[in-house]
Amino acid sequence: MKLITFLLLFNFMNLQATKTHNTTNKKTALSYSKSILHKSTDLKADRDLLISIILHSKWIDFNSIIEMSNNELKEFLKTELSKRTKETDYDLNSKTNLELSSFCLLYTFLKTAVIRTESELKDMSFVELRNSLIIENTENLDLNISTLQTLTTKKLIQLGYSWYLPKTYKSLINFDVLGNSPPLVRSKFKLKDDLERPMSVIKIVKTNEDVLNGFLYLGVYHVTISKDNFNLQLAGSNDLFNWSFITEIDQNAHQGDIVKWNDGYLIAYEEDKIQGANNIALKYYANYDHLISNHSTFEKHLNTSVHSFGVEGTPDIRHFTGKNPANGSVLIGFHYHNGTIDKIAMGVLQNGNNWTTWKDSLAESNLRDMSFKGNIGSRKGFIYRGKSLTLQEARFIKNDWSSWKIMLGLNGYYSEVLISTPKKSTSFANPSIIENENNKYVISLFVPTEGNHYSENNGGVIFLKNK
């Protein structure tokens, strides 16, 4: 299958001041009020963008960045850029947040793609960094230097990832589950538990427990109770294809994720105790026995905070620090609904109480510029060869379930994962991935009814794949 690459173009918010009108005192006062509100919105968008870019570039840990003000974020960028490149504080003072962000992303790509070493980058100006990327793009794309020189730095970076991702992560981006390649990939469609219930949107964790009669793998998934109503379940397996129901985690709950945290387990999921007012919930279990008996020692129901529409969910647990959620921090990716479509965001829960969120502006804009006009929702972060990657679902067309695609993400940039199935299904959603053995991975997806063969669709699928 031919890999289609996309030209990624940032379309960051056009932050314009609200026009004022002086025709009457009433209109003047109203306009002033709107201007203040718009300025506040602009500052939040600026903060979301800066946090998103700095975290994707991995220049600071998630616990530290959420404590920083807008001014501190900008000063941090300036300080880091002056340390990492030949640019001086004086040169950087006149730069806007977007310009500083572009420089940050440029540096990050050149270092990530091993185009220049850290010591080489430290002796280079931004003009030299930019020219280095232009040369690399000419060598990897069918574009000449004169054409690339006319492009913005943002476009050049996006072009860089368009060849770097499929080149570097070929084994993840291209995989074939056809019957003629059984040694490489094994699969099972329409996954069900031992009660013959479809296991929708399963997320799996390897237990590594020394427990008599314990399972090697645990999975959270939801089952349909009635139209638009689901309950979250826990099942166990020793081979990843046959699953035994263990316990029900929660009612009116779905889209779960599970990770092992020290001796315990953390589950994050989407709950809708009030229909149409979805939010994220978390449960922590001190050990394996507590989990299989659904005896949680910590529980948190997070208030929606990103958009006034008040719908947030599909959490994936990215990173955590500390002993447990009550005495530590956890970074969570999630989606929010803006009244029209789903978009992506992130948040940090500190010490079980403080919940800080921001829109994932960098990743969102990159995916939108790849022509994804519908929902961007469920995802799963994972570590591959020391790099933090993400599998992300995205839909080309709003309300068209046949247009779901799975994207592989690095540093907020994406390339399509090309999946070939025996019956040539083409639409996939709700991705998850874990490494079950050295260089062997478990990938789970949901296969929608639309656009897919009846023998494969309307259920979960498990893939076992070598590296």
Protein backbone atom coordinates (compact mmCIF):
# COMPACT_ATOMS: atom_id res chain seq x y z
CA MET A 1 0.00 0.00 0.00
CA LYS A 2 1.37 3.37 -0.94
CA LEU A 3 2.07 5.67 1.98
CA ILE A 4 0.52 9.07 1.47
CA THR A 5 2.40 11.89 3.10
CA PHE A 6 0.81 15.17 3.97
CA LEU A 7 2.11 18.70 4.06
CA LEU A 8 1.44 19.86 7.58
CA LEU A 9 0.65 23.51 8.03
CA PHE A 10 0.05 25.17 11.36
CA ASN A 11 -3.16 27.10 11.55
CA PHE A 12 -2.75 28.55 14.99
CA MET A 13 -5.47 30.83 16.22
CA ASN A 14 -5.64 34.22 14.64
CA LEU A 15 -5.63 36.34 17.74
CA GLN A 16 -7.28 39.62 16.88
CA ALA A 17 -8.40 42.37 19.22
CA THR A 18 -12.12 42.98 19.48
CA LYS A 19 -13.22 46.12 17.62
CA THR A 20 -14.78 48.79 19.76
CA HIS A 21 -17.65 51.04 18.79
CA ASN A 22 -18.17 54.52 20.21
CA THR A 23 -21.64 55.28 18.96
CA THR A 24 -23.24 55.22 22.41
CA ASN A 25 -22.09 54.84 25.99
CA LYS A 26 -23.90 51.51 26.17
CA LYS A 27 -22.18 50.15 23.09
CA THR A 28 -18.83 51.48 24.28
CA ALA A 29 -19.20 49.74 27.66
CA LEU A 30 -20.32 46.51 25.96
CA SER A 31 -17.41 46.64 23.53
CA TYR A 32 -14.93 47.24 26.36
CA SER A 33 -16.33 44.25 28.22
CA LYS A 34 -16.00 42.07 25.12
CA SER A 35 -12.44 43.28 24.58
CA ILE A 36 -11.44 42.27 28.11
CA LEU A 37 -13.07 38.86 27.64
CA HIS A 38 -11.32 38.34 24.31
CA LYS A 39 -7.98 39.33 25.81
CA SER A 40 -8.49 36.74 28.54
CA THR A 41 -9.33 34.11 25.92
CA ASP A 42 -6.23 35.06 23.93
CA LEU A 43 -4.02 34.65 26.99
CA LYS A 44 -5.47 31.17 27.63
CA ALA A 45 -4.91 30.17 23.99
CA ASP A 46 -1.35 31.50 24.18
CA ARG A 47 -0.71 29.50 27.34
CA ASP A 48 -2.21 26.32 25.84
CA LEU A 49 0.03 26.70 22.79
CA LEU A 50 3.21 27.32 24.79
CA ILE A 51 2.60 24.41 27.18
CA SER A 52 1.71 22.10 24.30
CA ILE A 53 4.86 22.93 22.31
CA ILE A 54 7.30 22.88 25.24
CA LEU A 55 5.98 19.55 26.54
CA HIS A 56 5.98 17.92 23.10
CA SER A 57 9.58 19.09 22.73
CA LYS A 58 10.29 17.53 26.15
CA TRP A 59 12.21 20.54 27.46
CA ILE A 60 10.63 20.35 30.91
CA ASP A 61 8.63 17.84 32.96
CA PHE A 62 4.85 18.05 33.21
CA ASN A 63 4.89 18.79 36.95
CA SER A 64 7.00 21.93 36.58
CA ILE A 65 5.37 23.50 33.55
CA ILE A 66 1.84 23.76 34.96
CA GLU A 67 3.10 26.06 37.72
CA MET A 68 4.43 28.61 35.22
CA SER A 69 2.71 31.85 34.16
CA ASN A 70 2.60 33.04 30.53
CA ASN A 71 5.56 35.34 31.14
CA GLU A 72 7.49 32.54 32.80
CA LEU A 73 6.78 30.23 29.87
CA LYS A 74 8.14 32.81 27.43
CA GLU A 75 11.20 33.46 29.60
CA PHE A 76 11.78 29.72 29.83
CA LEU A 77 11.78 29.43 26.03
CA LYS A 78 14.19 32.34 25.67
CA THR A 79 16.55 30.96 28.31
CA GLU A 80 16.56 27.46 26.84
CA LEU A 81 17.05 28.68 23.27
CA SER A 82 19.96 30.88 24.28
CA LYS A 83 21.58 27.89 26.03
CA ARG A 84 20.93 25.45 23.20
CA THR A 85 21.82 27.66 20.18
CA LYS A 86 24.07 30.56 19.22
CA GLU A 87 21.20 33.06 19.59
CA THR A 88 21.58 35.55 22.46
CA ASP A 89 19.07 36.84 24.98
CA TYR A 90 19.19 40.18 23.17
CA ASP A 91 18.25 38.53 19.86
CA LEU A 92 15.39 36.63 21.48
CA ASN A 93 13.83 39.52 23.40
CA SER A 94 12.09 40.91 20.35
CA LYS A 95 10.58 37.58 19.28
CA THR A 96 6.91 36.74 19.70
CA ASN A 97 5.65 33.60 21.40
CA LEU A 98 4.92 32.02 18.03
CA GLU A 99 8.40 32.82 16.74
CA LEU A 100 10.04 31.39 19.85
CA SER A 101 7.81 28.33 19.55
CA SER A 102 8.85 27.82 15.93
CA PHE A 103 12.52 27.99 16.93
CA CYS A 104 11.87 25.44 19.68
CA LEU A 105 10.20 23.04 17.24
CA LEU A 106 12.95 23.53 14.65
CA TYR A 107 15.67 22.70 17.19
CA THR A 108 13.69 19.69 18.46
CA PHE A 109 13.29 18.20 15.01
CA LEU A 110 16.96 18.58 14.06
CA LYS A 111 17.97 16.90 17.34
CA THR A 112 15.29 14.18 17.14
CA ALA A 113 16.16 13.27 13.56
CA VAL A 114 19.89 13.27 14.48
CA ILE A 115 20.59 15.80 11.74
CA ARG A 116 22.81 17.72 14.13
CA THR A 117 24.27 16.85 17.53
CA GLU A 118 23.60 19.00 20.60
CA SER A 119 27.11 20.46 20.43
CA GLU A 120 26.68 21.31 16.76
CA LEU A 121 23.30 22.91 17.39
CA LYS A 122 24.76 25.05 20.15
CA ASP A 123 27.06 26.76 17.63
CA MET A 124 24.31 27.47 15.10
CA SER A 125 22.04 30.47 14.55
CA PHE A 126 18.41 30.04 13.59
CA VAL A 127 19.25 30.87 9.99
CA GLU A 128 21.76 28.04 10.02
CA LEU A 129 19.29 25.68 11.69
CA ARG A 130 16.69 26.50 9.09
CA ASN A 131 19.12 25.99 6.22
CA SER A 132 20.11 22.61 7.64
CA LEU A 133 16.48 21.49 7.55
CA ILE A 134 16.04 22.80 4.01
CA ILE A 135 18.95 20.65 2.85
CA GLU A 136 17.56 17.55 4.61
CA ASN A 137 14.13 18.12 3.08
CA THR A 138 15.60 18.34 -0.44
CA GLU A 139 17.34 15.01 0.12
CA ASN A 140 14.17 13.28 1.33
CA LEU A 141 11.41 14.98 -0.66
CA ASP A 142 10.85 15.84 -4.29
CA LEU A 143 11.29 19.56 -3.63
CA ASN A 144 14.15 21.87 -4.59
CA ILE A 145 16.00 24.40 -2.46
CA SER A 146 14.47 27.47 -4.09
CA THR A 147 10.95 26.19 -3.37
CA LEU A 148 11.75 25.32 0.24
CA GLN A 149 13.36 28.70 0.88
CA THR A 150 10.00 30.38 0.25
CA LEU A 151 8.28 28.34 2.98
CA THR A 152 7.85 29.33 6.60
CA THR A 153 9.86 27.60 9.31
CA LYS A 154 6.65 25.94 10.49
CA LYS A 155 6.06 24.36 7.09
CA LEU A 156 9.66 23.20 6.85
CA ILE A 157 9.37 21.40 10.18
CA GLN A 158 6.15 19.73 9.13
CA LEU A 159 7.71 18.58 5.90
CA GLY A 160 10.58 17.16 7.93
CA TYR A 161 8.28 14.96 9.99
CA SER A 162 6.40 13.89 6.85
CA TRP A 163 9.46 11.90 5.73
CA TYR A 164 11.11 11.24 9.10
CA LEU A 165 8.19 9.40 10.74
CA PRO A 166 7.55 6.78 8.02
CA LYS A 167 11.29 6.32 7.52
CA THR A 168 12.12 5.82 11.21
CA TYR A 169 9.00 3.94 12.37
CA LYS A 170 8.28 1.86 9.29
CA SER A 171 7.57 -1.28 11.31
CA LEU A 172 4.88 0.52 13.34
CA ILE A 173 3.35 2.50 10.48
CA ASN A 174 3.11 -0.39 8.02
CA PHE A 175 1.78 -3.72 9.16
CA ASP A 176 -0.04 -6.48 7.39
CA VAL A 177 -2.41 -8.93 9.04
CA LEU A 178 -3.18 -10.89 5.90
CA GLY A 179 -3.21 -14.66 6.06
CA ASN A 180 0.06 -14.91 4.14
CA SER A 181 2.14 -13.43 6.98
CA PRO A 182 1.25 -15.39 10.17
CA PRO A 183 4.78 -15.32 11.62
CA LEU A 184 4.71 -11.52 11.80
CA VAL A 185 1.16 -10.75 12.90
CA ARG A 186 -1.55 -12.77 14.62
CA SER A 187 -5.02 -11.34 15.07
CA LYS A 188 -8.48 -12.02 16.44
CA PHE A 189 -11.49 -9.97 15.37
CA LYS A 190 -14.82 -9.47 17.17
CA LEU A 191 -13.17 -10.02 20.54
CA LYS A 192 -15.49 -11.39 23.26
CA ASP A 193 -15.14 -12.33 26.92
CA ASP A 194 -16.12 -15.76 28.30
CA LEU A 195 -19.68 -14.48 28.79
CA GLU A 196 -19.87 -13.97 25.01
CA ARG A 197 -20.04 -10.19 25.38
CA PRO A 198 -18.24 -8.01 22.81
CA MET A 199 -15.17 -6.39 24.37
CA SER A 200 -15.33 -2.86 22.98
CA VAL A 201 -12.34 -0.50 23.31
CA ILE A 202 -10.09 -2.79 25.35
CA LYS A 203 -6.96 -1.42 27.02
CA ILE A 204 -4.47 -3.97 28.34
CA VAL A 205 -1.80 -4.07 31.04
CA LYS A 206 0.82 -6.73 31.68
CA THR A 207 0.58 -7.76 35.34
CA ASN A 208 4.03 -9.22 36.15
CA GLU A 209 2.52 -10.56 39.36
CA ASP A 210 3.68 -13.55 41.37
CA VAL A 211 0.12 -14.52 42.24
CA LEU A 212 -1.19 -18.08 42.31
CA ASN A 213 -3.75 -18.52 39.50
CA GLY A 214 -3.32 -14.85 38.54
CA PHE A 215 -3.60 -13.65 34.95
CA LEU A 216 -0.63 -12.52 32.87
CA TYR A 217 -2.73 -9.74 31.35
CA LEU A 218 -5.66 -7.63 32.53
CA GLY A 219 -7.92 -5.60 30.29
CA VAL A 220 -10.55 -2.93 30.84
CA TYR A 221 -13.36 -2.67 28.29
CA HIS A 222 -16.98 -1.67 28.20
CA VAL A 223 -20.14 -3.61 27.37
CA THR A 224 -23.35 -2.16 25.99
CA ILE A 225 -26.24 -2.06 28.45
CA SER A 226 -28.69 -0.13 26.29
CA LYS A 227 -28.46 2.46 23.53
CA ASP A 228 -25.70 4.91 24.50
CA ASN A 229 -25.26 3.28 27.93
CA PHE A 230 -22.20 1.23 28.90
CA ASN A 231 -20.63 -0.40 31.95
CA LEU A 232 -16.86 -0.72 32.46
CA GLN A 233 -15.54 -4.27 32.93
CA LEU A 234 -12.31 -6.00 33.93
CA ALA A 235 -11.17 -9.30 32.40
CA GLY A 236 -8.02 -11.43 32.53
CA SER A 237 -6.11 -13.44 29.95
CA ASN A 238 -2.96 -15.53 29.60
CA ASP A 239 -2.76 -15.52 25.79
CA LEU A 240 -4.42 -12.15 24.85
CA PHE A 241 -7.03 -13.88 22.67
CA ASN A 242 -9.17 -15.61 25.31
CA TRP A 243 -10.53 -13.42 28.10
CA SER A 244 -12.29 -14.30 31.36
CA PHE A 245 -14.58 -11.77 33.00
CA ILE A 246 -13.41 -10.80 36.52
CA THR A 247 -15.50 -7.91 37.84
CA GLU A 248 -17.44 -4.80 36.89
CA ILE A 249 -15.48 -1.62 37.61
CA ASP A 250 -18.30 0.92 37.30
CA GLN A 251 -21.69 1.57 35.74
CA ASN A 252 -22.44 4.27 33.19
CA ALA A 253 -18.73 4.13 32.44
CA HIS A 254 -16.66 3.37 29.35
CA GLN A 255 -13.49 4.19 27.36
CA GLY A 256 -11.16 2.99 30.13
CA ASP A 257 -7.37 2.87 30.38
CA ILE A 258 -5.24 0.91 32.85
CA VAL A 259 -1.60 1.07 33.97
CA LYS A 260 0.48 -0.55 36.68
CA TRP A 261 1.67 2.01 39.24
CA ASN A 262 4.24 0.56 41.66
CA ASP A 263 2.44 -2.36 43.36
CA GLY A 264 -0.99 -1.06 42.40
CA TYR A 265 -3.10 -0.27 39.36
CA LEU A 266 -4.66 2.96 38.12
CA ILE A 267 -7.76 2.97 35.93
CA ALA A 268 -8.98 6.14 34.19
CA TYR A 269 -12.25 6.17 32.29
CA GLU A 270 -15.08 8.27 30.94
CA GLU A 271 -18.26 8.33 33.00
CA ASP A 272 -21.70 9.69 32.17
CA LYS A 273 -23.70 9.53 35.35
CA ILE A 274 -25.77 12.33 33.83
CA GLN A 275 -26.51 11.56 30.19
CA GLY A 276 -24.70 14.01 27.93
CA ALA A 277 -22.45 15.41 30.68
CA ASN A 278 -19.45 13.12 30.42
CA ASN A 279 -16.35 13.58 32.58
CA ILE A 280 -13.20 11.67 33.55
CA ALA A 281 -13.01 9.43 36.62
CA LEU A 282 -10.07 7.60 38.21
CA LYS A 283 -9.75 4.62 40.54
CA TYR A 284 -6.54 3.37 42.14
CA TYR A 285 -6.10 -0.12 43.57
CA ALA A 286 -3.28 -0.82 46.02
CA ASN A 287 -2.55 -4.29 44.63
CA TYR A 288 -3.71 -7.05 42.29
CA ASP A 289 -6.14 -8.57 44.80
CA HIS A 290 -7.79 -5.23 45.43
CA LEU A 291 -8.21 -4.71 41.69
CA ILE A 292 -9.84 -8.05 40.90
CA SER A 293 -12.25 -7.50 43.80
CA ASN A 294 -12.84 -3.86 42.71
CA HIS A 295 -11.74 -2.51 46.07
CA SER A 296 -10.26 0.90 45.24
CA THR A 297 -8.24 2.89 47.76
CA PHE A 298 -8.49 6.16 45.79
CA GLU A 299 -11.28 7.54 43.64
CA LYS A 300 -11.59 10.87 41.84
CA HIS A 301 -14.27 12.37 39.61
CA LEU A 302 -12.78 15.27 37.64
CA ASN A 303 -14.75 18.38 36.81
CA THR A 304 -14.84 19.38 33.14
CA SER A 305 -12.67 22.45 32.60
CA VAL A 306 -11.57 22.91 28.98
CA HIS A 307 -14.79 24.01 27.25
CA SER A 308 -18.14 25.31 28.46
CA PHE A 309 -19.95 22.52 26.57
CA GLY A 310 -18.92 20.27 29.48
CA VAL A 311 -18.09 16.96 27.81
CA GLU A 312 -14.65 15.39 28.36
CA GLY A 313 -13.46 11.79 28.20
CA THR A 314 -11.46 8.99 26.52
CA PRO A 315 -8.56 9.38 29.00
CA ASP A 316 -5.20 7.77 28.40
CA ILE A 317 -2.61 7.66 31.17
CA ARG A 318 0.66 9.04 29.75
CA HIS A 319 3.05 9.35 32.70
CA PHE A 320 3.01 9.34 36.48
CA THR A 321 5.37 10.20 39.31
CA GLY A 322 5.26 9.47 43.03
CA LYS A 323 3.86 6.63 45.12
CA ASN A 324 0.23 6.75 44.00
CA PRO A 325 -2.39 9.30 42.80
CA ALA A 326 -2.89 10.70 46.31
CA ASN A 327 0.86 11.24 46.75
CA GLY A 328 2.04 11.90 43.24
CA SER A 329 1.14 13.28 39.84
CA VAL A 330 -0.38 11.76 36.72
CA LEU A 331 -0.41 13.16 33.17
CA ILE A 332 -3.58 12.34 31.24
CA GLY A 333 -4.50 12.83 27.61
CA PHE A 334 -8.21 13.25 26.85
CA HIS A 335 -10.73 14.72 24.43
CA TYR A 336 -13.25 17.51 24.89
CA HIS A 337 -16.33 18.36 22.84
CA ASN A 338 -16.74 21.93 21.65
CA GLY A 339 -20.41 21.55 20.73
CA THR A 340 -19.56 20.40 17.21
CA ILE A 341 -16.64 17.95 17.22
CA ASP A 342 -14.19 16.28 19.60
CA LYS A 343 -10.78 17.88 20.11
CA ILE A 344 -7.78 16.86 22.20
CA ALA A 345 -6.39 18.16 25.46
CA MET A 346 -4.16 17.14 28.35
CA GLY A 347 -4.17 17.53 32.10
CA VAL A 348 -2.19 16.86 35.26
CA LEU A 349 -3.70 15.65 38.53
CA GLN A 350 -1.43 16.48 41.46
CA ASN A 351 -1.75 14.81 44.87
CA GLY A 352 -5.23 13.63 44.06
CA ASN A 353 -6.75 17.13 44.12
CA ASN A 354 -5.27 19.75 41.80
CA TRP A 355 -6.46 19.22 38.21
CA THR A 356 -4.78 21.50 35.62
CA THR A 357 -5.71 21.24 31.93
CA TRP A 358 -4.80 22.73 28.56
CA LYS A 359 -5.73 22.20 24.92
CA ASP A 360 -3.17 20.17 22.98
CA SER A 361 -2.85 22.95 20.40
CA LEU A 362 0.20 21.63 18.56
CA ALA A 363 -1.14 18.11 17.96
CA GLU A 364 -4.65 19.39 17.22
CA SER A 365 -3.52 21.85 14.55
CA ASN A 366 -1.24 19.32 12.87
CA LEU A 367 -4.03 16.77 12.58
CA ARG A 368 -6.53 19.35 11.32
CA ASP A 369 -4.05 20.36 8.62
CA MET A 370 -3.93 16.73 7.52
CA SER A 371 -7.60 17.15 6.50
CA PHE A 372 -9.15 15.56 9.58
CA LYS A 373 -12.36 17.58 9.87
CA GLY A 374 -14.26 15.25 12.21
CA ASN A 375 -13.66 14.00 15.73
CA ILE A 376 -10.13 13.64 17.09
CA GLY A 377 -10.52 11.51 20.18
CA SER A 378 -9.14 8.34 21.70
CA ARG A 379 -5.38 7.75 21.86
CA LYS A 380 -2.69 5.83 23.70
CA GLY A 381 0.81 7.00 24.58
CA PHE A 382 3.61 4.43 24.76
CA ILE A 383 7.39 4.10 24.82
CA TYR A 384 9.17 2.68 21.77
CA ARG A 385 12.96 2.44 21.69
CA GLY A 386 13.21 5.14 24.31
CA LYS A 387 10.87 7.57 22.53
CA SER A 388 7.41 8.67 23.70
CA LEU A 389 5.01 7.94 20.84
CA THR A 390 1.23 8.11 20.52
CA LEU A 391 -1.37 6.13 18.61
CA GLN A 392 -4.22 8.54 17.83
CA GLU A 393 -7.62 8.10 16.22
CA ALA A 394 -8.84 10.83 13.85
CA ARG A 395 -11.82 11.08 11.53
CA PHE A 396 -11.64 12.72 8.11
CA ILE A 397 -15.37 13.48 7.84
CA LYS A 398 -17.71 14.51 10.63
CA ASN A 399 -20.24 11.77 11.49
CA ASP A 400 -18.73 9.40 8.90
CA TRP A 401 -17.59 6.30 10.78
CA SER A 402 -15.98 4.86 7.66
CA SER A 403 -13.36 7.65 7.69
CA TRP A 404 -11.62 6.79 10.99
CA LYS A 405 -7.85 6.42 10.70
CA ILE A 406 -5.09 5.56 13.15
CA MET A 407 -2.13 7.94 13.27
CA LEU A 408 1.32 7.47 14.78
CA GLY A 409 2.49 10.59 16.60
CA LEU A 410 5.85 11.91 17.75
CA ASN A 411 6.39 15.36 19.28
CA GLY A 412 2.89 16.40 18.18
CA TYR A 413 3.35 15.36 14.51
CA TYR A 414 1.70 12.41 12.77
CA SER A 415 1.84 9.86 9.98
CA GLU A 416 -0.90 7.41 9.05
CA VAL A 417 -0.69 3.81 10.23
CA LEU A 418 -1.43 1.57 7.25
CA ILE A 419 -3.31 -1.59 8.23
CA SER A 420 -4.14 -4.44 5.85
CA THR A 421 -6.67 -7.01 7.07
CA PRO A 422 -7.79 -10.30 5.48
CA LYS A 423 -11.14 -8.76 4.44
CA LYS A 424 -9.66 -5.35 3.59
CA SER A 425 -11.28 -3.33 6.36
CA THR A 426 -10.18 0.30 6.22
CA SER A 427 -11.67 2.15 9.20
CA PHE A 428 -10.17 1.80 12.70
CA ALA A 429 -10.56 3.67 16.00
CA ASN A 430 -9.77 3.54 19.75
CA PRO A 431 -6.13 2.44 19.51
CA SER A 432 -4.07 0.92 22.30
CA ILE A 433 -0.62 -0.65 22.40
CA ILE A 434 1.69 -2.32 24.94
CA GLU A 435 4.98 -4.19 24.64
CA ASN A 436 4.31 -7.74 25.85
CA GLU A 437 7.76 -9.15 25.07
CA ASN A 438 11.02 -7.73 23.82
CA ASN A 439 10.20 -6.06 20.48
CA LYS A 440 6.76 -7.69 20.38
CA TYR A 441 3.64 -5.58 20.74
CA VAL A 442 -0.05 -6.01 21.48
CA ILE A 443 -2.22 -3.61 19.50
CA SER A 444 -5.96 -3.33 20.05
CA LEU A 445 -8.42 -1.35 17.94
CA PHE A 446 -12.16 -0.92 17.49
CA VAL A 447 -13.44 -1.80 14.00
CA PRO A 448 -16.57 0.26 13.17
CA THR A 449 -19.45 -1.20 11.17
CA GLU A 450 -19.16 1.41 8.43
CA GLY A 451 -16.50 0.87 5.76
CA ASN A 452 -15.50 -2.57 6.98
CA HIS A 453 -16.26 -6.21 6.21
CA TYR A 454 -19.04 -7.82 8.28
CA SER A 455 -16.73 -10.61 9.46
CA GLU A 456 -14.35 -8.07 11.01
CA ASN A 457 -16.49 -5.08 11.96
CA ASN A 458 -18.55 -3.92 14.94
CA GLY A 459 -16.14 -5.04 17.61
CA GLY A 460 -12.65 -5.10 19.02
CA VAL A 461 -9.60 -6.64 17.41
CA ILE A 462 -6.30 -7.78 18.93
CA PHE A 463 -3.09 -7.80 16.91
CA LEU A 464 0.12 -9.47 18.09
CA LYS A 465 2.97 -7.95 16.13
CA ASN A 466 6.73 -8.33 16.02
CA LYS A 467 8.70 -5.10 16.03
